[in-house]
Amino acid sequence: MTIRLVRLPAISIPCGTDRCGLPFGLQIIAARGQDRTLLEAAQEIEAVLRT
């Protein structure tokens, strides 16, 4: 079952490329109603990935 069907907030964060140059990312999912927490977590993860 996809996340959209269960109506949970989710976000995909680009993480870079692999050895072959293919892009990959990280998807994080939060509990229903935790949209702000999800966005804050995504922002923190992106900050760590930039370093």
N, C-alpha and C. Protein backbone atom coordinates (compact mmCIF):
# COMPACT_ATOMS: atom_id res chain seq x y z
N MET A 1 0.85 -1.17 0.00
CA MET A 1 0.00 0.00 0.00
C MET A 1 0.90 1.24 0.00
N THR A 2 0.58 2.18 -0.85
CA THR A 2 1.40 3.38 -0.92
C THR A 2 1.07 4.33 0.22
N ILE A 3 2.01 5.19 0.49
CA ILE A 3 1.85 6.16 1.57
C ILE A 3 0.68 7.09 1.30
N ARG A 4 0.45 7.45 0.06
CA ARG A 4 -0.68 8.34 -0.26
C ARG A 4 -2.01 7.70 0.11
N LEU A 5 -2.12 6.41 -0.06
CA LEU A 5 -3.38 5.75 0.25
C LEU A 5 -3.68 5.75 1.74
N VAL A 6 -2.65 5.70 2.57
CA VAL A 6 -2.88 5.72 4.02
C VAL A 6 -2.81 7.14 4.57
N ARG A 7 -2.58 8.11 3.69
CA ARG A 7 -2.62 9.54 4.01
C ARG A 7 -1.62 9.95 5.08
N LEU A 8 -0.39 9.46 4.95
CA LEU A 8 0.68 9.88 5.84
C LEU A 8 1.56 10.88 5.12
N PRO A 9 2.06 11.89 5.83
CA PRO A 9 2.97 12.85 5.18
C PRO A 9 4.31 12.19 4.91
N ALA A 10 4.86 12.45 3.73
CA ALA A 10 6.15 11.88 3.34
C ALA A 10 6.90 12.89 2.50
N ILE A 11 8.21 12.76 2.50
CA ILE A 11 9.05 13.65 1.69
C ILE A 11 10.24 12.86 1.19
N SER A 12 10.68 13.19 0.01
CA SER A 12 11.86 12.57 -0.59
C SER A 12 12.98 13.60 -0.63
N ILE A 13 14.16 13.19 -0.17
CA ILE A 13 15.30 14.09 -0.10
C ILE A 13 16.38 13.57 -1.05
N PRO A 14 16.80 14.36 -2.05
CA PRO A 14 17.88 13.92 -2.92
C PRO A 14 19.18 13.79 -2.12
N CYS A 15 19.90 12.69 -2.35
CA CYS A 15 21.12 12.44 -1.57
C CYS A 15 22.39 12.47 -2.42
N GLY A 16 22.27 12.49 -3.71
CA GLY A 16 23.45 12.51 -4.56
C GLY A 16 23.36 11.48 -5.67
N THR A 17 24.51 11.02 -6.11
CA THR A 17 24.56 10.02 -7.18
C THR A 17 25.47 8.87 -6.75
N ASP A 18 25.22 7.72 -7.34
CA ASP A 18 26.06 6.55 -7.05
C ASP A 18 27.27 6.53 -7.97
N ARG A 19 28.05 5.45 -7.92
CA ARG A 19 29.27 5.35 -8.74
C ARG A 19 28.99 5.41 -10.23
N CYS A 20 27.79 5.02 -10.62
CA CYS A 20 27.42 5.03 -12.04
C CYS A 20 26.78 6.35 -12.46
N GLY A 21 26.67 7.27 -11.54
CA GLY A 21 26.07 8.57 -11.84
C GLY A 21 24.57 8.61 -11.72
N LEU A 22 23.97 7.54 -11.20
CA LEU A 22 22.52 7.50 -11.05
C LEU A 22 22.10 8.19 -9.74
N PRO A 23 21.06 9.00 -9.80
CA PRO A 23 20.62 9.70 -8.59
C PRO A 23 19.93 8.75 -7.61
N PHE A 24 20.07 9.05 -6.33
CA PHE A 24 19.34 8.31 -5.32
C PHE A 24 18.89 9.27 -4.23
N GLY A 25 17.91 8.84 -3.46
CA GLY A 25 17.37 9.71 -2.43
C GLY A 25 16.91 8.93 -1.22
N LEU A 26 16.42 9.67 -0.26
CA LEU A 26 15.93 9.11 0.99
C LEU A 26 14.49 9.58 1.15
N GLN A 27 13.59 8.66 1.45
CA GLN A 27 12.21 9.04 1.71
C GLN A 27 11.94 8.86 3.20
N ILE A 28 11.40 9.90 3.82
CA ILE A 28 11.02 9.78 5.23
C ILE A 28 9.52 9.99 5.34
N ILE A 29 8.94 9.31 6.31
CA ILE A 29 7.50 9.30 6.50
C ILE A 29 7.21 9.63 7.96
N ALA A 30 6.20 10.42 8.19
CA ALA A 30 5.82 10.78 9.55
C ALA A 30 4.40 10.30 9.86
N ALA A 31 4.06 10.39 11.10
CA ALA A 31 2.70 10.05 11.52
C ALA A 31 1.72 11.11 11.00
N ARG A 32 0.49 10.72 10.88
CA ARG A 32 -0.55 11.63 10.43
C ARG A 32 -0.58 12.87 11.32
N GLY A 33 -0.62 14.04 10.70
CA GLY A 33 -0.69 15.29 11.45
C GLY A 33 0.67 15.84 11.86
N GLN A 34 1.74 15.15 11.51
CA GLN A 34 3.08 15.58 11.91
C GLN A 34 3.85 16.20 10.74
N ASP A 35 3.15 16.94 9.91
CA ASP A 35 3.76 17.56 8.73
C ASP A 35 4.92 18.49 9.10
N ARG A 36 4.72 19.32 10.09
CA ARG A 36 5.77 20.26 10.49
C ARG A 36 7.01 19.51 10.98
N THR A 37 6.80 18.48 11.79
CA THR A 37 7.92 17.67 12.29
C THR A 37 8.67 17.03 11.13
N LEU A 38 7.93 16.54 10.15
CA LEU A 38 8.54 15.93 8.97
C LEU A 38 9.41 16.93 8.22
N LEU A 39 8.89 18.13 8.00
CA LEU A 39 9.66 19.15 7.28
C LEU A 39 10.89 19.58 8.07
N GLU A 40 10.76 19.68 9.37
CA GLU A 40 11.91 20.04 10.20
C GLU A 40 12.98 18.95 10.15
N ALA A 41 12.55 17.69 10.21
CA ALA A 41 13.50 16.57 10.12
C ALA A 41 14.19 16.57 8.76
N ALA A 42 13.44 16.80 7.70
CA ALA A 42 14.01 16.84 6.36
C ALA A 42 15.05 17.95 6.25
N GLN A 43 14.77 19.08 6.84
CA GLN A 43 15.71 20.20 6.81
C GLN A 43 17.00 19.84 7.55
N GLU A 44 16.89 19.17 8.68
CA GLU A 44 18.07 18.75 9.42
C GLU A 44 18.88 17.72 8.64
N ILE A 45 18.21 16.78 8.01
CA ILE A 45 18.90 15.76 7.22
C ILE A 45 19.63 16.41 6.05
N GLU A 46 18.97 17.34 5.37
CA GLU A 46 19.62 18.02 4.25
C GLU A 46 20.87 18.79 4.71
N ALA A 47 20.80 19.39 5.89
CA ALA A 47 21.95 20.13 6.42
C ALA A 47 23.12 19.18 6.67
N VAL A 48 22.84 18.00 7.20
CA VAL A 48 23.90 17.01 7.44
C VAL A 48 24.48 16.51 6.13
N LEU A 49 23.63 16.28 5.14
CA LEU A 49 24.10 15.76 3.85
C LEU A 49 24.96 16.76 3.10
N ARG A 50 24.75 18.04 3.35
CA ARG A 50 25.54 19.08 2.67
C ARG A 50 26.96 19.16 3.18
N THR A 51 27.20 18.66 4.40
CA THR A 51 28.54 18.76 4.99
C THR A 51 29.45 17.65 4.54
